[in-house]
Amino acid sequence: MNWFWFLVIGAIAGWLAGVLTQGRGFGLLGDMAVGIVGALVGGFVFTLLGLQWFGALGALITATVGAVLLLGVLRLTCRRCPT
């Protein structure tokens, strides 16, 4: 996957995670960061569970699930975070 699609999927996943968790969002760059880190978290969690999805839709689902997990952990640990 080239860098452009990696950033697009990260931005969409970060935005979706914000919508799913009733957050205010972080703007385009913040959503991209949440989505990209979420992709790493989701890939790690899915690998531990033995799940592997392919293609753009699989990457989007993995990144979104990871971003939702990331936002959940941030909300539990950081009281002043803008999430």
N, C-alpha and C. Protein backbone atom coordinates (compact mmCIF):
# COMPACT_ATOMS: atom_id res chain seq x y z
N MET A 1 0.86 -1.17 0.00
CA MET A 1 0.00 0.00 0.00
C MET A 1 0.91 1.23 0.00
N ASN A 2 0.65 2.17 -0.88
CA ASN A 2 1.52 3.34 -0.91
C ASN A 2 1.14 4.34 0.17
N TRP A 3 1.98 5.33 0.37
CA TRP A 3 1.81 6.28 1.47
C TRP A 3 0.52 7.08 1.37
N PHE A 4 0.11 7.43 0.17
CA PHE A 4 -1.13 8.20 0.00
C PHE A 4 -2.31 7.44 0.57
N TRP A 5 -2.45 6.19 0.21
CA TRP A 5 -3.59 5.40 0.69
C TRP A 5 -3.47 5.11 2.18
N PHE A 6 -2.25 4.97 2.66
CA PHE A 6 -2.03 4.78 4.09
C PHE A 6 -2.55 5.98 4.87
N LEU A 7 -2.27 7.20 4.40
CA LEU A 7 -2.74 8.42 5.05
C LEU A 7 -4.25 8.59 4.91
N VAL A 8 -4.79 8.25 3.73
CA VAL A 8 -6.24 8.37 3.53
C VAL A 8 -6.98 7.42 4.46
N ILE A 9 -6.55 6.18 4.51
CA ILE A 9 -7.21 5.20 5.38
C ILE A 9 -7.04 5.60 6.85
N GLY A 10 -5.87 6.12 7.22
CA GLY A 10 -5.66 6.60 8.58
C GLY A 10 -6.59 7.74 8.94
N ALA A 11 -6.77 8.69 8.02
CA ALA A 11 -7.67 9.82 8.27
C ALA A 11 -9.11 9.36 8.41
N ILE A 12 -9.54 8.47 7.55
CA ILE A 12 -10.91 7.97 7.60
C ILE A 12 -11.13 7.15 8.87
N ALA A 13 -10.17 6.31 9.21
CA ALA A 13 -10.29 5.49 10.42
C ALA A 13 -10.32 6.36 11.68
N GLY A 14 -9.49 7.39 11.73
CA GLY A 14 -9.50 8.29 12.88
C GLY A 14 -10.81 9.04 13.00
N TRP A 15 -11.33 9.49 11.87
CA TRP A 15 -12.63 10.17 11.87
C TRP A 15 -13.75 9.22 12.30
N LEU A 16 -13.76 8.02 11.75
CA LEU A 16 -14.77 7.03 12.14
C LEU A 16 -14.69 6.69 13.61
N ALA A 17 -13.50 6.55 14.13
CA ALA A 17 -13.34 6.24 15.56
C ALA A 17 -13.89 7.37 16.41
N GLY A 18 -13.64 8.61 16.00
CA GLY A 18 -14.19 9.75 16.73
C GLY A 18 -15.70 9.77 16.71
N VAL A 19 -16.28 9.45 15.56
CA VAL A 19 -17.74 9.40 15.44
C VAL A 19 -18.32 8.26 16.28
N LEU A 20 -17.69 7.09 16.20
CA LEU A 20 -18.19 5.94 16.93
C LEU A 20 -18.10 6.09 18.45
N THR A 21 -17.12 6.85 18.92
CA THR A 21 -16.94 7.03 20.35
C THR A 21 -17.51 8.35 20.85
N GLN A 22 -18.27 9.02 20.01
CA GLN A 22 -18.92 10.28 20.37
C GLN A 22 -17.91 11.37 20.76
N GLY A 23 -16.78 11.39 20.09
CA GLY A 23 -15.75 12.38 20.38
C GLY A 23 -15.91 13.63 19.53
N ARG A 24 -15.09 14.63 19.84
CA ARG A 24 -15.15 15.88 19.09
C ARG A 24 -14.23 15.86 17.88
N GLY A 25 -13.32 14.93 17.83
CA GLY A 25 -12.36 14.86 16.74
C GLY A 25 -11.15 15.72 17.03
N PHE A 26 -10.11 15.53 16.25
CA PHE A 26 -8.85 16.23 16.46
C PHE A 26 -8.44 17.04 15.23
N GLY A 27 -9.30 17.22 14.28
CA GLY A 27 -8.91 17.85 13.03
C GLY A 27 -8.29 16.81 12.10
N LEU A 28 -7.97 17.23 10.90
CA LEU A 28 -7.48 16.28 9.90
C LEU A 28 -6.18 15.61 10.33
N LEU A 29 -5.19 16.38 10.75
CA LEU A 29 -3.90 15.78 11.13
C LEU A 29 -4.02 14.93 12.39
N GLY A 30 -4.80 15.38 13.36
CA GLY A 30 -5.01 14.60 14.57
C GLY A 30 -5.74 13.30 14.28
N ASP A 31 -6.77 13.35 13.42
CA ASP A 31 -7.49 12.14 13.04
C ASP A 31 -6.58 11.18 12.29
N MET A 32 -5.70 11.71 11.45
CA MET A 32 -4.74 10.86 10.74
C MET A 32 -3.82 10.16 11.74
N ALA A 33 -3.34 10.91 12.73
CA ALA A 33 -2.44 10.32 13.73
C ALA A 33 -3.16 9.24 14.52
N VAL A 34 -4.39 9.51 14.95
CA VAL A 34 -5.16 8.50 15.69
C VAL A 34 -5.40 7.28 14.81
N GLY A 35 -5.73 7.49 13.55
CA GLY A 35 -5.96 6.37 12.64
C GLY A 35 -4.72 5.55 12.37
N ILE A 36 -3.59 6.21 12.21
CA ILE A 36 -2.34 5.49 11.93
C ILE A 36 -1.89 4.70 13.15
N VAL A 37 -1.92 5.32 14.32
CA VAL A 37 -1.57 4.58 15.53
C VAL A 37 -2.61 3.49 15.78
N GLY A 38 -3.87 3.80 15.48
CA GLY A 38 -4.92 2.79 15.61
C GLY A 38 -4.70 1.61 14.69
N ALA A 39 -4.16 1.86 13.51
CA ALA A 39 -3.85 0.76 12.58
C ALA A 39 -2.80 -0.16 13.18
N LEU A 40 -1.81 0.42 13.83
CA LEU A 40 -0.78 -0.39 14.47
C LEU A 40 -1.37 -1.18 15.64
N VAL A 41 -2.20 -0.52 16.44
CA VAL A 41 -2.84 -1.20 17.58
C VAL A 41 -3.77 -2.30 17.07
N GLY A 42 -4.60 -1.98 16.08
CA GLY A 42 -5.53 -2.96 15.53
C GLY A 42 -4.81 -4.14 14.90
N GLY A 43 -3.73 -3.87 14.18
CA GLY A 43 -2.96 -4.95 13.58
C GLY A 43 -2.36 -5.86 14.64
N PHE A 44 -1.88 -5.28 15.74
CA PHE A 44 -1.32 -6.07 16.83
C PHE A 44 -2.39 -6.93 17.49
N VAL A 45 -3.54 -6.31 17.80
CA VAL A 45 -4.62 -7.04 18.47
C VAL A 45 -5.17 -8.14 17.57
N PHE A 46 -5.39 -7.83 16.29
CA PHE A 46 -5.93 -8.83 15.38
C PHE A 46 -4.96 -9.98 15.17
N THR A 47 -3.65 -9.68 15.17
CA THR A 47 -2.65 -10.74 15.04
C THR A 47 -2.69 -11.66 16.26
N LEU A 48 -2.84 -11.06 17.46
CA LEU A 48 -2.95 -11.87 18.67
C LEU A 48 -4.18 -12.78 18.63
N LEU A 49 -5.26 -12.29 18.04
CA LEU A 49 -6.49 -13.07 17.95
C LEU A 49 -6.50 -14.04 16.77
N GLY A 50 -5.48 -13.96 15.92
CA GLY A 50 -5.40 -14.85 14.76
C GLY A 50 -6.26 -14.40 13.60
N LEU A 51 -6.66 -13.13 13.58
CA LEU A 51 -7.47 -12.59 12.49
C LEU A 51 -6.60 -11.81 11.53
N GLN A 52 -6.92 -11.92 10.24
CA GLN A 52 -6.18 -11.16 9.25
C GLN A 52 -7.11 -10.85 8.09
N TRP A 53 -7.28 -9.55 7.83
CA TRP A 53 -8.14 -9.11 6.73
C TRP A 53 -7.28 -8.44 5.69
N PHE A 54 -7.66 -8.60 4.44
CA PHE A 54 -6.87 -8.06 3.34
C PHE A 54 -7.63 -6.98 2.60
N GLY A 55 -6.91 -6.19 1.87
CA GLY A 55 -7.51 -5.16 1.04
C GLY A 55 -7.75 -3.87 1.80
N ALA A 56 -8.26 -2.88 1.07
CA ALA A 56 -8.50 -1.57 1.65
C ALA A 56 -9.58 -1.62 2.72
N LEU A 57 -10.62 -2.39 2.50
CA LEU A 57 -11.69 -2.48 3.50
C LEU A 57 -11.18 -3.15 4.78
N GLY A 58 -10.38 -4.18 4.65
CA GLY A 58 -9.79 -4.84 5.82
C GLY A 58 -8.87 -3.90 6.58
N ALA A 59 -8.08 -3.10 5.85
CA ALA A 59 -7.20 -2.13 6.49
C ALA A 59 -8.01 -1.07 7.21
N LEU A 60 -9.10 -0.63 6.61
CA LEU A 60 -9.96 0.38 7.23
C LEU A 60 -10.61 -0.17 8.50
N ILE A 61 -11.10 -1.38 8.45
CA ILE A 61 -11.72 -2.00 9.63
C ILE A 61 -10.70 -2.18 10.74
N THR A 62 -9.53 -2.69 10.38
CA THR A 62 -8.47 -2.90 11.37
C THR A 62 -8.05 -1.59 12.01
N ALA A 63 -7.84 -0.56 11.20
CA ALA A 63 -7.42 0.74 11.72
C ALA A 63 -8.51 1.37 12.57
N THR A 64 -9.77 1.23 12.18
CA THR A 64 -10.87 1.81 12.94
C THR A 64 -11.02 1.13 14.29
N VAL A 65 -10.97 -0.19 14.31
CA VAL A 65 -11.07 -0.91 15.58
C VAL A 65 -9.90 -0.53 16.49
N GLY A 66 -8.71 -0.47 15.94
CA GLY A 66 -7.55 -0.07 16.73
C GLY A 66 -7.66 1.36 17.25
N ALA A 67 -8.18 2.27 16.42
CA ALA A 67 -8.34 3.66 16.85
C ALA A 67 -9.40 3.79 17.94
N VAL A 68 -10.48 3.01 17.84
CA VAL A 68 -11.50 3.01 18.89
C VAL A 68 -10.89 2.51 20.20
N LEU A 69 -10.09 1.45 20.14
CA LEU A 69 -9.40 0.95 21.33
C LEU A 69 -8.46 2.00 21.90
N LEU A 70 -7.72 2.66 21.02
CA LEU A 70 -6.79 3.70 21.44
C LEU A 70 -7.53 4.85 22.12
N LEU A 71 -8.62 5.32 21.55
CA LEU A 71 -9.39 6.40 22.16
C LEU A 71 -9.99 5.97 23.49
N GLY A 72 -10.41 4.72 23.58
CA GLY A 72 -10.94 4.22 24.85
C GLY A 72 -9.89 4.24 25.94
N VAL A 73 -8.68 3.80 25.62
CA VAL A 73 -7.59 3.81 26.60
C VAL A 73 -7.24 5.25 26.97
N LEU A 74 -7.20 6.14 25.98
CA LEU A 74 -6.90 7.55 26.28
C LEU A 74 -7.94 8.15 27.21
N ARG A 75 -9.19 7.85 26.99
CA ARG A 75 -10.25 8.39 27.84
C ARG A 75 -10.18 7.85 29.25
N LEU A 76 -9.75 6.62 29.39
CA LEU A 76 -9.63 6.03 30.73
C LEU A 76 -8.43 6.58 31.49
N THR A 77 -7.36 6.91 30.79
CA THR A 77 -6.12 7.29 31.46
C THR A 77 -5.86 8.80 31.50
N CYS A 78 -6.49 9.56 30.67
CA CYS A 78 -6.18 10.99 30.56
C CYS A 78 -7.45 11.81 30.77
N ARG A 79 -7.54 12.45 31.90
CA ARG A 79 -8.74 13.22 32.21
C ARG A 79 -8.81 14.54 31.47
N ARG A 80 -7.69 15.10 31.07
CA ARG A 80 -7.67 16.39 30.38
C ARG A 80 -7.55 16.28 28.87
N CYS A 81 -7.52 15.07 28.35
CA CYS A 81 -7.40 14.88 26.90
C CYS A 81 -8.65 15.41 26.21
N PRO A 82 -8.51 15.97 25.01
CA PRO A 82 -9.66 16.53 24.30
C PRO A 82 -10.54 15.49 23.64
N THR A 83 -10.42 14.24 24.00
CA THR A 83 -11.25 13.20 23.38
C THR A 83 -12.59 13.28 23.99
